[in-house]
Protein backbone atom coordinates (compact mmCIF):
# COMPACT_ATOMS: atom_id res chain seq x y z
CA MET A 1 -32.30 -4.84 3.19
CA ALA A 2 -29.37 -6.64 4.81
CA ASP A 3 -26.24 -4.71 5.68
CA ALA A 4 -23.07 -5.53 3.76
CA PRO A 5 -20.55 -7.56 5.73
CA ILE A 6 -17.95 -5.48 7.53
CA THR A 7 -14.49 -5.87 6.04
CA PRO A 8 -11.32 -4.14 7.16
CA SER A 9 -10.80 -0.93 5.24
CA LEU A 10 -7.50 -0.23 3.51
CA HIS A 11 -7.73 3.05 5.41
CA ARG A 12 -7.27 1.12 8.66
CA VAL A 13 -4.59 -1.33 7.56
CA ALA A 14 -2.36 0.91 5.40
CA ARG A 15 0.94 1.95 6.90
CA GLY A 16 4.07 3.94 6.08
CA GLN A 17 4.15 5.74 2.75
CA VAL A 18 0.79 4.26 1.69
CA ARG A 19 -0.83 5.77 4.78
CA ASP A 20 0.91 9.11 4.15
CA ALA A 21 -0.27 9.17 0.51
CA LEU A 22 -3.87 8.33 1.46
CA ASP A 23 -3.86 10.97 4.20
CA ARG A 24 -2.52 13.59 1.75
CA LEU A 25 -5.11 12.64 -0.87
CA GLU A 26 -7.93 12.84 1.66
CA SER A 27 -6.71 16.25 2.82
CA LEU A 28 -6.49 17.57 -0.75
CA VAL A 29 -9.99 16.37 -1.65
CA LEU A 30 -11.52 17.83 1.50
CA ASP A 31 -9.72 21.13 0.90
CA GLY A 32 -10.93 21.18 -2.71
CA LEU A 33 -14.50 20.54 -1.60
CA LYS A 34 -14.30 23.46 0.83
CA HIS A 35 -13.08 25.75 -1.97
CA GLY A 36 -15.63 24.37 -4.41
CA PHE A 37 -13.27 23.33 -7.18
CA PHE A 38 -10.13 21.29 -7.77
CA ASP A 39 -8.20 19.44 -10.43
CA TYR A 40 -5.83 16.68 -9.33
CA SER A 41 -4.01 13.87 -11.08
CA ILE A 42 -2.42 10.72 -9.68
CA ALA A 43 0.30 8.70 -11.39
CA CYS A 44 2.21 5.62 -10.31
CA GLU A 45 5.07 3.67 -11.84
CA ILE A 46 7.14 0.70 -10.74
CA GLY A 47 10.78 1.55 -10.11
CA THR A 48 13.90 -0.33 -9.16
CA GLY A 49 13.38 -3.21 -6.76
CA GLY A 50 9.60 -3.14 -7.14
CA LYS A 51 9.20 0.24 -5.42
CA ARG A 52 6.14 2.21 -6.46
CA HIS A 53 6.66 5.88 -7.24
CA LEU A 54 3.36 7.64 -6.60
CA VAL A 55 2.86 11.28 -7.56
CA ILE A 56 -0.19 13.36 -6.70
CA ARG A 57 -0.29 16.58 -8.71
CA ALA A 58 -2.42 19.22 -7.05
CA GLY A 59 -0.94 22.62 -7.80
CA LYS A 60 2.34 21.21 -6.57
CA SER A 61 3.55 17.63 -6.72
CA HIS A 62 3.45 15.33 -3.70
CA LYS A 63 5.79 12.36 -4.23
CA PHE A 64 5.74 9.08 -2.32
CA THR A 65 8.06 6.08 -2.71
CA ILE A 66 6.31 2.94 -1.53
CA PRO A 67 8.54 -0.08 -0.79
CA PRO A 68 7.34 -3.48 -2.05
CA ASP A 69 6.53 -4.69 1.48
CA GLN A 70 4.03 -1.83 1.94
CA VAL A 71 2.11 -2.51 -1.29
CA PRO A 72 -1.35 -3.80 -0.31
CA ARG A 73 -2.04 -7.35 -1.49
């Protein structure tokens, strides 16, 4: 079986608030796996000027405001 072509991961190219949100999400999932249970929700909406308001609810809310120039294309 041939290996899939290597493409840059969003994990490697994300920056700013996107990177912070992904890092937080990864940390929450790993922590939940260690404990053996978790229940998270993620919501996003477009705000003024095209900013994305991302909220990760995991016991407490983690809020990130992502400027339009940081939104992956």
